[in-house]
Amino acid sequence: MSGESTSRISPPQPPPPPPPNTAELDAPLHNMGFQIDVLSALEVNGYLRVTESCCQPFKRLHGGVSALIAEALASMGAQVASGFRRVAGVHLSINHHRSAAVGDLVFARGTPVEASKALQVWEVSLWKMNELTVKKEVLLSTSKVVILSNMNVPEIAKNAVSAFRKYAKL
């Protein structure tokens, strides 16, 4: 037994906390560990390390979490594209293609398909990433989100608009 290695594999470390801007922009995304990378009128994207707290009992990313990410990214992009008006999701359609497991790194990207003064349509895709090559590897889901984008911002939400202005790439 003296010649055997006694090294053990350490359990994976939890992901680092998301940057402060995610907390300011979308509390539910922040609480899941989602990190916003780009916020603009033409694209919103970010990353999520899949943890048990965002999985269904089979240790796979919960479809509702994918839907939450889709609606959140589309809403953020629509708010920037509308000139920081109040927005509201009115329709979400999502197709789940593959699954992501605990520990996987997921990349989400939303882009506008159509934008008028009153309505915007955004497409959001989630991909499992290959961490060695930092490339999208497996398409997890695709969504279409319809956003009403011509409402006045209520006084209670003026601080939210300030946060979006601070982080948006215009």
N, C-alpha and C. Protein backbone atom coordinates (compact mmCIF):
# COMPACT_ATOMS: atom_id res chain seq x y z
N MET A 1 0.80 -1.20 0.00
CA MET A 1 0.00 0.00 0.00
C MET A 1 0.84 1.26 0.00
N SER A 2 2.13 1.15 0.33
CA SER A 2 2.96 2.34 0.43
C SER A 2 3.17 3.00 -0.93
N GLY A 3 3.03 2.27 -2.03
CA GLY A 3 3.25 2.84 -3.35
C GLY A 3 2.01 3.46 -3.96
N GLU A 4 0.83 3.30 -3.31
CA GLU A 4 -0.41 3.83 -3.87
C GLU A 4 -0.53 5.33 -3.60
N SER A 5 -1.13 6.00 -4.54
CA SER A 5 -1.36 7.43 -4.39
C SER A 5 -2.50 7.67 -3.42
N THR A 6 -2.33 8.65 -2.58
CA THR A 6 -3.39 8.99 -1.62
C THR A 6 -4.11 10.27 -2.00
N SER A 7 -3.84 10.79 -3.21
CA SER A 7 -4.51 12.03 -3.61
C SER A 7 -5.98 11.75 -3.90
N ARG A 8 -6.79 12.71 -3.55
CA ARG A 8 -8.23 12.60 -3.77
C ARG A 8 -8.69 13.76 -4.63
N ILE A 9 -9.72 13.49 -5.35
CA ILE A 9 -10.29 14.55 -6.18
C ILE A 9 -11.17 15.42 -5.29
N SER A 10 -10.94 16.72 -5.33
CA SER A 10 -11.74 17.65 -4.54
C SER A 10 -13.08 17.85 -5.21
N PRO A 11 -14.11 18.07 -4.42
CA PRO A 11 -15.41 18.37 -5.02
C PRO A 11 -15.33 19.72 -5.75
N PRO A 12 -16.15 19.90 -6.79
CA PRO A 12 -16.11 21.17 -7.51
C PRO A 12 -16.48 22.33 -6.59
N GLN A 13 -15.81 23.44 -6.78
CA GLN A 13 -16.10 24.63 -5.99
C GLN A 13 -17.32 25.34 -6.58
N PRO A 14 -18.09 25.99 -5.73
CA PRO A 14 -19.24 26.73 -6.26
C PRO A 14 -18.75 27.89 -7.14
N PRO A 15 -19.59 28.31 -8.09
CA PRO A 15 -19.17 29.41 -8.95
C PRO A 15 -19.03 30.69 -8.13
N PRO A 16 -18.21 31.62 -8.60
CA PRO A 16 -18.10 32.90 -7.88
C PRO A 16 -19.42 33.64 -7.95
N PRO A 17 -19.66 34.54 -7.01
CA PRO A 17 -20.92 35.27 -7.03
C PRO A 17 -21.01 36.14 -8.29
N PRO A 18 -22.23 36.37 -8.77
CA PRO A 18 -22.38 37.19 -9.97
C PRO A 18 -21.94 38.62 -9.71
N PRO A 19 -21.56 39.34 -10.76
CA PRO A 19 -21.16 40.74 -10.58
C PRO A 19 -22.35 41.56 -10.11
N PRO A 20 -22.10 42.68 -9.45
CA PRO A 20 -23.18 43.49 -8.89
C PRO A 20 -24.23 43.92 -9.89
N ASN A 21 -23.87 44.11 -11.16
CA ASN A 21 -24.87 44.61 -12.11
C ASN A 21 -26.02 43.63 -12.30
N THR A 22 -25.78 42.33 -12.21
CA THR A 22 -26.88 41.38 -12.35
C THR A 22 -27.88 41.56 -11.21
N ALA A 23 -27.39 41.79 -10.01
CA ALA A 23 -28.27 41.99 -8.86
C ALA A 23 -29.12 43.25 -9.05
N GLU A 24 -28.53 44.30 -9.58
CA GLU A 24 -29.27 45.54 -9.80
C GLU A 24 -30.30 45.42 -10.90
N LEU A 25 -29.99 44.63 -11.92
CA LEU A 25 -30.84 44.57 -13.11
C LEU A 25 -31.95 43.54 -13.01
N ASP A 26 -31.68 42.40 -12.38
CA ASP A 26 -32.68 41.33 -12.31
C ASP A 26 -32.40 40.42 -11.13
N ALA A 27 -33.12 40.63 -10.03
CA ALA A 27 -32.88 39.87 -8.80
C ALA A 27 -33.06 38.36 -8.98
N PRO A 28 -34.10 37.88 -9.67
CA PRO A 28 -34.22 36.42 -9.82
C PRO A 28 -33.03 35.81 -10.57
N LEU A 29 -32.56 36.46 -11.63
CA LEU A 29 -31.39 35.94 -12.34
C LEU A 29 -30.17 35.92 -11.42
N HIS A 30 -29.99 36.99 -10.68
CA HIS A 30 -28.87 37.09 -9.75
C HIS A 30 -28.92 35.96 -8.71
N ASN A 31 -30.10 35.70 -8.18
CA ASN A 31 -30.25 34.66 -7.15
C ASN A 31 -29.92 33.27 -7.67
N MET A 32 -30.08 33.05 -8.97
CA MET A 32 -29.72 31.75 -9.57
C MET A 32 -28.24 31.67 -9.89
N GLY A 33 -27.54 32.81 -9.87
CA GLY A 33 -26.13 32.83 -10.22
C GLY A 33 -25.86 33.26 -11.65
N PHE A 34 -26.88 33.74 -12.35
CA PHE A 34 -26.71 34.19 -13.74
C PHE A 34 -25.86 35.45 -13.76
N GLN A 35 -24.95 35.54 -14.72
CA GLN A 35 -24.07 36.70 -14.87
C GLN A 35 -24.32 37.36 -16.22
N ILE A 36 -24.78 38.59 -16.19
CA ILE A 36 -25.00 39.33 -17.43
C ILE A 36 -23.65 39.80 -17.95
N ASP A 37 -23.44 39.59 -19.24
CA ASP A 37 -22.18 39.99 -19.87
C ASP A 37 -22.38 41.19 -20.78
N VAL A 38 -23.39 41.15 -21.65
CA VAL A 38 -23.66 42.24 -22.59
C VAL A 38 -25.11 42.66 -22.44
N LEU A 39 -25.34 43.97 -22.38
CA LEU A 39 -26.69 44.53 -22.32
C LEU A 39 -26.75 45.68 -23.31
N SER A 40 -27.49 45.47 -24.41
CA SER A 40 -27.65 46.52 -25.41
C SER A 40 -28.99 46.33 -26.11
N ALA A 41 -29.32 47.27 -26.98
CA ALA A 41 -30.57 47.19 -27.74
C ALA A 41 -30.51 46.10 -28.81
N LEU A 42 -29.31 45.64 -29.16
CA LEU A 42 -29.15 44.64 -30.21
C LEU A 42 -28.80 43.26 -29.68
N GLU A 43 -28.41 43.16 -28.42
CA GLU A 43 -28.05 41.86 -27.86
C GLU A 43 -27.98 41.95 -26.34
N VAL A 44 -28.46 40.89 -25.70
CA VAL A 44 -28.27 40.71 -24.26
C VAL A 44 -27.76 39.29 -24.11
N ASN A 45 -26.66 39.12 -23.36
CA ASN A 45 -26.18 37.77 -23.14
C ASN A 45 -25.55 37.62 -21.77
N GLY A 46 -25.33 36.37 -21.39
CA GLY A 46 -24.72 36.08 -20.11
C GLY A 46 -24.57 34.59 -19.90
N TYR A 47 -24.13 34.24 -18.70
CA TYR A 47 -23.77 32.86 -18.38
C TYR A 47 -24.42 32.40 -17.08
N LEU A 48 -24.63 31.10 -17.01
CA LEU A 48 -25.13 30.46 -15.79
C LEU A 48 -24.39 29.15 -15.59
N ARG A 49 -23.84 28.97 -14.41
CA ARG A 49 -23.31 27.66 -14.03
C ARG A 49 -24.50 26.91 -13.42
N VAL A 50 -24.84 25.75 -13.98
CA VAL A 50 -25.99 25.00 -13.51
C VAL A 50 -25.68 24.42 -12.13
N THR A 51 -26.50 24.79 -11.16
CA THR A 51 -26.38 24.27 -9.79
C THR A 51 -27.64 23.51 -9.44
N GLU A 52 -27.61 22.80 -8.34
CA GLU A 52 -28.79 22.04 -7.93
C GLU A 52 -30.00 22.93 -7.69
N SER A 53 -29.76 24.17 -7.29
CA SER A 53 -30.89 25.06 -6.99
C SER A 53 -31.67 25.47 -8.24
N CYS A 54 -31.13 25.24 -9.43
CA CYS A 54 -31.87 25.58 -10.65
C CYS A 54 -32.19 24.33 -11.48
N CYS A 55 -32.19 23.19 -10.80
CA CYS A 55 -32.46 21.92 -11.49
C CYS A 55 -33.76 21.28 -11.02
N GLN A 56 -34.30 20.43 -11.85
CA GLN A 56 -35.42 19.57 -11.49
C GLN A 56 -34.85 18.37 -10.71
N PRO A 57 -35.68 17.51 -10.18
CA PRO A 57 -35.18 16.39 -9.36
C PRO A 57 -34.19 15.47 -10.06
N PHE A 58 -34.15 15.47 -11.39
CA PHE A 58 -33.25 14.59 -12.13
C PHE A 58 -31.88 15.23 -12.37
N LYS A 59 -31.62 16.35 -11.68
CA LYS A 59 -30.33 17.07 -11.77
C LYS A 59 -30.08 17.65 -13.17
N ARG A 60 -31.15 18.02 -13.82
CA ARG A 60 -31.08 18.68 -15.13
C ARG A 60 -31.68 20.08 -14.99
N LEU A 61 -31.17 21.02 -15.79
CA LEU A 61 -31.67 22.39 -15.75
C LEU A 61 -33.19 22.39 -15.93
N HIS A 62 -33.88 23.03 -15.02
CA HIS A 62 -35.34 23.10 -15.04
C HIS A 62 -35.79 23.95 -16.23
N GLY A 63 -36.79 23.48 -16.95
CA GLY A 63 -37.31 24.22 -18.10
C GLY A 63 -37.84 25.58 -17.72
N GLY A 64 -38.38 25.70 -16.52
CA GLY A 64 -38.86 27.00 -16.05
C GLY A 64 -37.73 28.00 -15.87
N VAL A 65 -36.56 27.51 -15.51
CA VAL A 65 -35.39 28.39 -15.39
C VAL A 65 -34.99 28.89 -16.77
N SER A 66 -35.02 28.01 -17.76
CA SER A 66 -34.73 28.43 -19.14
C SER A 66 -35.72 29.50 -19.59
N ALA A 67 -36.99 29.33 -19.25
CA ALA A 67 -38.02 30.30 -19.62
C ALA A 67 -37.80 31.63 -18.89
N LEU A 68 -37.42 31.56 -17.62
CA LEU A 68 -37.13 32.78 -16.85
C LEU A 68 -35.97 33.55 -17.49
N ILE A 69 -34.91 32.84 -17.86
CA ILE A 69 -33.77 33.48 -18.51
C ILE A 69 -34.20 34.12 -19.82
N ALA A 70 -34.99 33.41 -20.62
CA ALA A 70 -35.44 33.94 -21.91
C ALA A 70 -36.24 35.22 -21.73
N GLU A 71 -37.22 35.20 -20.85
CA GLU A 71 -38.05 36.39 -20.67
C GLU A 71 -37.25 37.54 -20.06
N ALA A 72 -36.36 37.24 -19.15
CA ALA A 72 -35.55 38.30 -18.53
C ALA A 72 -34.64 38.97 -19.55
N LEU A 73 -33.92 38.19 -20.34
CA LEU A 73 -33.00 38.77 -21.32
C LEU A 73 -33.76 39.58 -22.37
N ALA A 74 -34.87 39.03 -22.86
CA ALA A 74 -35.67 39.75 -23.86
C ALA A 74 -36.22 41.05 -23.28
N SER A 75 -36.68 41.02 -22.05
CA SER A 75 -37.23 42.22 -21.42
C SER A 75 -36.16 43.29 -21.21
N MET A 76 -34.97 42.86 -20.79
CA MET A 76 -33.88 43.83 -20.60
C MET A 76 -33.49 44.48 -21.92
N GLY A 77 -33.34 43.68 -22.96
CA GLY A 77 -32.99 44.23 -24.27
C GLY A 77 -34.08 45.15 -24.80
N ALA A 78 -35.33 44.74 -24.61
CA ALA A 78 -36.46 45.56 -25.08
C ALA A 78 -36.51 46.89 -24.34
N GLN A 79 -36.18 46.87 -23.06
CA GLN A 79 -36.20 48.13 -22.31
C GLN A 79 -35.14 49.09 -22.84
N VAL A 80 -33.97 48.59 -23.13
CA VAL A 80 -32.92 49.45 -23.70
C VAL A 80 -33.34 49.93 -25.08
N ALA A 81 -33.85 49.02 -25.92
CA ALA A 81 -34.24 49.37 -27.30
C ALA A 81 -35.39 50.37 -27.34
N SER A 82 -36.24 50.36 -26.32
CA SER A 82 -37.39 51.27 -26.31
C SER A 82 -37.05 52.65 -25.77
N GLY A 83 -35.79 52.87 -25.45
CA GLY A 83 -35.42 54.16 -24.86
C GLY A 83 -35.72 54.18 -23.38
N PHE A 84 -35.66 53.02 -22.76
CA PHE A 84 -35.85 52.84 -21.31
C PHE A 84 -37.28 53.08 -20.87
N ARG A 85 -38.23 52.71 -21.74
CA ARG A 85 -39.65 52.73 -21.37
C ARG A 85 -39.95 51.50 -20.52
N ARG A 86 -41.09 51.49 -19.91
CA ARG A 86 -41.53 50.30 -19.17
C ARG A 86 -41.92 49.24 -20.19
N VAL A 87 -41.53 47.99 -19.92
CA VAL A 87 -41.85 46.89 -20.83
C VAL A 87 -42.53 45.77 -20.05
N ALA A 88 -43.25 44.92 -20.78
CA ALA A 88 -43.90 43.77 -20.16
C ALA A 88 -43.98 42.64 -21.18
N GLY A 89 -43.58 41.46 -20.76
CA GLY A 89 -43.71 40.29 -21.62
C GLY A 89 -45.17 39.92 -21.77
N VAL A 90 -45.62 39.70 -23.01
CA VAL A 90 -47.01 39.33 -23.25
C VAL A 90 -47.15 37.92 -23.82
N HIS A 91 -46.04 37.36 -24.34
CA HIS A 91 -46.10 35.99 -24.85
C HIS A 91 -44.70 35.39 -24.85
N LEU A 92 -44.63 34.14 -24.41
CA LEU A 92 -43.37 33.40 -24.41
C LEU A 92 -43.62 32.02 -25.00
N SER A 93 -42.81 31.67 -25.99
CA SER A 93 -42.86 30.34 -26.59
C SER A 93 -41.45 29.77 -26.50
N ILE A 94 -41.32 28.58 -25.91
CA ILE A 94 -39.99 28.01 -25.72
C ILE A 94 -39.98 26.55 -26.17
N ASN A 95 -38.91 26.18 -26.86
CA ASN A 95 -38.68 24.79 -27.25
C ASN A 95 -37.42 24.31 -26.56
N HIS A 96 -37.53 23.18 -25.88
CA HIS A 96 -36.39 22.58 -25.20
C HIS A 96 -35.84 21.48 -26.09
N HIS A 97 -34.56 21.60 -26.47
CA HIS A 97 -33.94 20.66 -27.40
C HIS A 97 -33.10 19.60 -26.69
N ARG A 98 -32.29 20.02 -25.77
CA ARG A 98 -31.40 19.12 -25.02
C ARG A 98 -31.38 19.57 -23.57
N SER A 99 -30.68 18.81 -22.73
CA SER A 99 -30.62 19.16 -21.31
C SER A 99 -29.21 19.55 -20.90
N ALA A 100 -29.13 20.27 -19.79
CA ALA A 100 -27.85 20.61 -19.17
C ALA A 100 -27.87 20.04 -17.76
N ALA A 101 -26.73 19.52 -17.32
CA ALA A 101 -26.63 18.88 -16.01
C ALA A 101 -25.95 19.81 -15.00
N VAL A 102 -26.07 19.44 -13.74
CA VAL A 102 -25.38 20.18 -12.68
C VAL A 102 -23.90 20.29 -13.05
N GLY A 103 -23.37 21.50 -12.94
CA GLY A 103 -21.97 21.76 -13.25
C GLY A 103 -21.73 22.30 -14.64
N ASP A 104 -22.69 22.12 -15.56
CA ASP A 104 -22.52 22.62 -16.93
C ASP A 104 -22.54 24.15 -16.93
N LEU A 105 -21.84 24.73 -17.89
CA LEU A 105 -21.86 26.17 -18.10
C LEU A 105 -22.79 26.45 -19.27
N VAL A 106 -23.78 27.31 -19.03
CA VAL A 106 -24.79 27.65 -20.04
C VAL A 106 -24.60 29.10 -20.46
N PHE A 107 -24.61 29.33 -21.77
CA PHE A 107 -24.54 30.66 -22.36
C PHE A 107 -25.92 30.98 -22.92
N ALA A 108 -26.44 32.17 -22.62
CA ALA A 108 -27.74 32.60 -23.14
C ALA A 108 -27.55 33.89 -23.93
N ARG A 109 -28.22 33.97 -25.07
CA ARG A 109 -28.10 35.15 -25.93
C ARG A 109 -29.47 35.51 -26.49
N GLY A 110 -29.86 36.77 -26.30
CA GLY A 110 -31.10 37.28 -26.85
C GLY A 110 -30.84 38.36 -27.87
N THR A 111 -31.59 38.32 -28.98
CA THR A 111 -31.48 39.33 -30.03
C THR A 111 -32.87 39.70 -30.53
N PRO A 112 -33.06 40.95 -30.95
CA PRO A 112 -34.37 41.34 -31.46
C PRO A 112 -34.60 40.77 -32.86
N VAL A 113 -35.83 40.34 -33.09
CA VAL A 113 -36.23 39.85 -34.41
C VAL A 113 -37.02 40.95 -35.11
N GLU A 114 -37.85 41.63 -34.36
CA GLU A 114 -38.74 42.67 -34.89
C GLU A 114 -38.96 43.69 -33.78
N ALA A 115 -38.98 44.97 -34.15
CA ALA A 115 -39.24 46.00 -33.16
C ALA A 115 -40.07 47.12 -33.78
N SER A 116 -41.19 47.40 -33.15
CA SER A 116 -41.99 48.56 -33.52
C SER A 116 -42.07 49.44 -32.28
N LYS A 117 -42.82 50.51 -32.38
CA LYS A 117 -42.93 51.40 -31.23
C LYS A 117 -43.63 50.73 -30.05
N ALA A 118 -44.59 49.86 -30.33
CA ALA A 118 -45.39 49.26 -29.27
C ALA A 118 -44.99 47.84 -28.91
N LEU A 119 -44.52 47.05 -29.88
CA LEU A 119 -44.19 45.63 -29.63
C LEU A 119 -42.79 45.30 -30.15
N GLN A 120 -42.15 44.40 -29.42
CA GLN A 120 -40.87 43.87 -29.87
C GLN A 120 -40.93 42.35 -29.77
N VAL A 121 -40.26 41.68 -30.69
CA VAL A 121 -40.14 40.22 -30.65
C VAL A 121 -38.65 39.92 -30.52
N TRP A 122 -38.31 39.12 -29.52
CA TRP A 122 -36.92 38.73 -29.27
C TRP A 122 -36.79 37.23 -29.36
N GLU A 123 -35.64 36.79 -29.85
CA GLU A 123 -35.31 35.37 -29.86
C GLU A 123 -34.17 35.16 -28.85
N VAL A 124 -34.34 34.16 -28.01
CA VAL A 124 -33.33 33.85 -27.00
C VAL A 124 -32.95 32.38 -27.13
N SER A 125 -31.65 32.12 -27.22
CA SER A 125 -31.14 30.75 -27.30
C SER A 125 -30.24 30.48 -26.11
N LEU A 126 -30.33 29.27 -25.59
CA LEU A 126 -29.44 28.81 -24.52
C LEU A 126 -28.58 27.69 -25.06
N TRP A 127 -27.29 27.76 -24.78
CA TRP A 127 -26.31 26.79 -25.27
C TRP A 127 -25.49 26.24 -24.11
N LYS A 128 -25.19 24.96 -24.16
CA LYS A 128 -24.20 24.40 -23.24
C LYS A 128 -22.84 24.71 -23.84
N MET A 129 -21.92 25.21 -23.01
CA MET A 129 -20.60 25.63 -23.48
C MET A 129 -19.57 24.53 -23.25
N ASN A 130 -18.63 24.45 -24.17
CA ASN A 130 -17.43 23.64 -23.97
C ASN A 130 -16.43 24.57 -23.29
N GLU A 131 -16.11 24.28 -22.04
CA GLU A 131 -15.26 25.20 -21.29
C GLU A 131 -13.81 25.19 -21.76
N LEU A 132 -13.36 24.12 -22.39
CA LEU A 132 -11.98 24.08 -22.87
C LEU A 132 -11.78 24.97 -24.09
N THR A 133 -12.77 24.96 -24.99
CA THR A 133 -12.66 25.76 -26.21
C THR A 133 -13.44 27.07 -26.11
N VAL A 134 -14.23 27.23 -25.06
CA VAL A 134 -15.10 28.39 -24.86
C VAL A 134 -15.98 28.60 -26.09
N LYS A 135 -16.54 27.51 -26.59
CA LYS A 135 -17.43 27.57 -27.74
C LYS A 135 -18.78 26.96 -27.38
N LYS A 136 -19.82 27.46 -28.08
CA LYS A 136 -21.15 26.88 -27.92
C LYS A 136 -21.10 25.46 -28.45
N GLU A 137 -21.59 24.52 -27.66
CA GLU A 137 -21.47 23.11 -28.05
C GLU A 137 -22.82 22.46 -28.35
N VAL A 138 -23.80 22.65 -27.48
CA VAL A 138 -25.09 21.97 -27.62
C VAL A 138 -26.21 23.00 -27.42
N LEU A 139 -27.12 23.10 -28.40
CA LEU A 139 -28.27 23.98 -28.28
C LEU A 139 -29.24 23.37 -27.28
N LEU A 140 -29.55 24.11 -26.21
CA LEU A 140 -30.45 23.61 -25.17
C LEU A 140 -31.89 24.03 -25.40
N SER A 141 -32.11 25.31 -25.73
CA SER A 141 -33.47 25.78 -25.95
C SER A 141 -33.47 27.01 -26.84
N THR A 142 -34.61 27.22 -27.50
CA THR A 142 -34.84 28.44 -28.28
C THR A 142 -36.19 29.00 -27.87
N SER A 143 -36.26 30.32 -27.79
CA SER A 143 -37.48 30.98 -27.34
C SER A 143 -37.79 32.18 -28.21
N LYS A 144 -39.06 32.47 -28.32
CA LYS A 144 -39.53 33.73 -28.90
C LYS A 144 -40.31 34.42 -27.78
N VAL A 145 -39.98 35.69 -27.57
CA VAL A 145 -40.63 36.46 -26.51
C VAL A 145 -41.20 37.72 -27.14
N VAL A 146 -42.49 37.96 -26.92
CA VAL A 146 -43.15 39.17 -27.41
C VAL A 146 -43.27 40.13 -26.23
N ILE A 147 -42.80 41.36 -26.44
CA ILE A 147 -42.71 42.35 -25.37
C ILE A 147 -43.50 43.60 -25.76
N LEU A 148 -44.39 44.03 -24.87
CA LEU A 148 -45.06 45.32 -25.00
C LEU A 148 -44.07 46.37 -24.52
N SER A 149 -43.81 47.39 -25.33
CA SER A 149 -42.68 48.27 -25.00
C SER A 149 -42.98 49.76 -25.10
N ASN A 150 -44.22 50.14 -24.88
CA ASN A 150 -44.55 51.57 -25.02
C ASN A 150 -45.22 52.16 -23.79
N MET A 151 -44.95 51.60 -22.63
CA MET A 151 -45.61 52.08 -21.41
C MET A 151 -44.73 53.08 -20.66
N ASN A 152 -45.37 53.95 -19.90
CA ASN A 152 -44.64 54.90 -19.07
C ASN A 152 -44.05 54.19 -17.86
N VAL A 153 -42.89 54.64 -17.44
CA VAL A 153 -42.24 54.07 -16.26
C VAL A 153 -42.88 54.69 -15.02
N PRO A 154 -43.43 53.87 -14.11
CA PRO A 154 -44.02 54.44 -12.90
C PRO A 154 -42.93 54.99 -11.97
N GLU A 155 -43.30 55.92 -11.14
CA GLU A 155 -42.34 56.55 -10.22
C GLU A 155 -41.58 55.53 -9.39
N ILE A 156 -42.25 54.48 -8.97
CA ILE A 156 -41.63 53.46 -8.13
C ILE A 156 -40.48 52.73 -8.84
N ALA A 157 -40.45 52.77 -10.17
CA ALA A 157 -39.43 52.03 -10.93
C ALA A 157 -38.35 52.92 -11.53
N LYS A 158 -38.30 54.18 -11.15
CA LYS A 158 -37.30 55.10 -11.72
C LYS A 158 -35.87 54.64 -11.43
N ASN A 159 -35.62 54.04 -10.26
CA ASN A 159 -34.27 53.56 -9.93
C ASN A 159 -33.85 52.42 -10.85
N ALA A 160 -34.80 51.59 -11.26
CA ALA A 160 -34.48 50.49 -12.18
C ALA A 160 -33.99 51.04 -13.51
N VAL A 161 -34.62 52.09 -13.98
CA VAL A 161 -34.20 52.71 -15.24
C VAL A 161 -32.78 53.24 -15.10
N SER A 162 -32.45 53.82 -13.96
CA SER A 162 -31.08 54.33 -13.74
C SER A 162 -30.06 53.21 -13.84
N ALA A 163 -30.38 52.05 -13.28
CA ALA A 163 -29.46 50.90 -13.34
C ALA A 163 -29.27 50.45 -14.79
N PHE A 164 -30.34 50.40 -15.56
CA PHE A 164 -30.23 49.99 -16.96
C PHE A 164 -29.38 50.99 -17.74
N ARG A 165 -29.59 52.28 -17.50
CA ARG A 165 -28.78 53.29 -18.19
C ARG A 165 -27.30 53.15 -17.84
N LYS A 166 -27.02 52.78 -16.59
CA LYS A 166 -25.63 52.65 -16.14
C LYS A 166 -24.91 51.51 -16.84
N TYR A 167 -25.60 50.39 -17.09
CA TYR A 167 -24.94 49.20 -17.62
C TYR A 167 -25.14 48.97 -19.11
N ALA A 168 -26.10 49.65 -19.72
CA ALA A 168 -26.40 49.40 -21.14
C ALA A 168 -25.29 49.94 -22.03
N LYS A 169 -24.97 49.15 -23.05
CA LYS A 169 -24.02 49.59 -24.07
C LYS A 169 -24.84 50.21 -25.18
N LEU A 170 -24.79 51.51 -25.26
CA LEU A 170 -25.62 52.22 -26.24
C LEU A 170 -24.86 52.51 -27.50
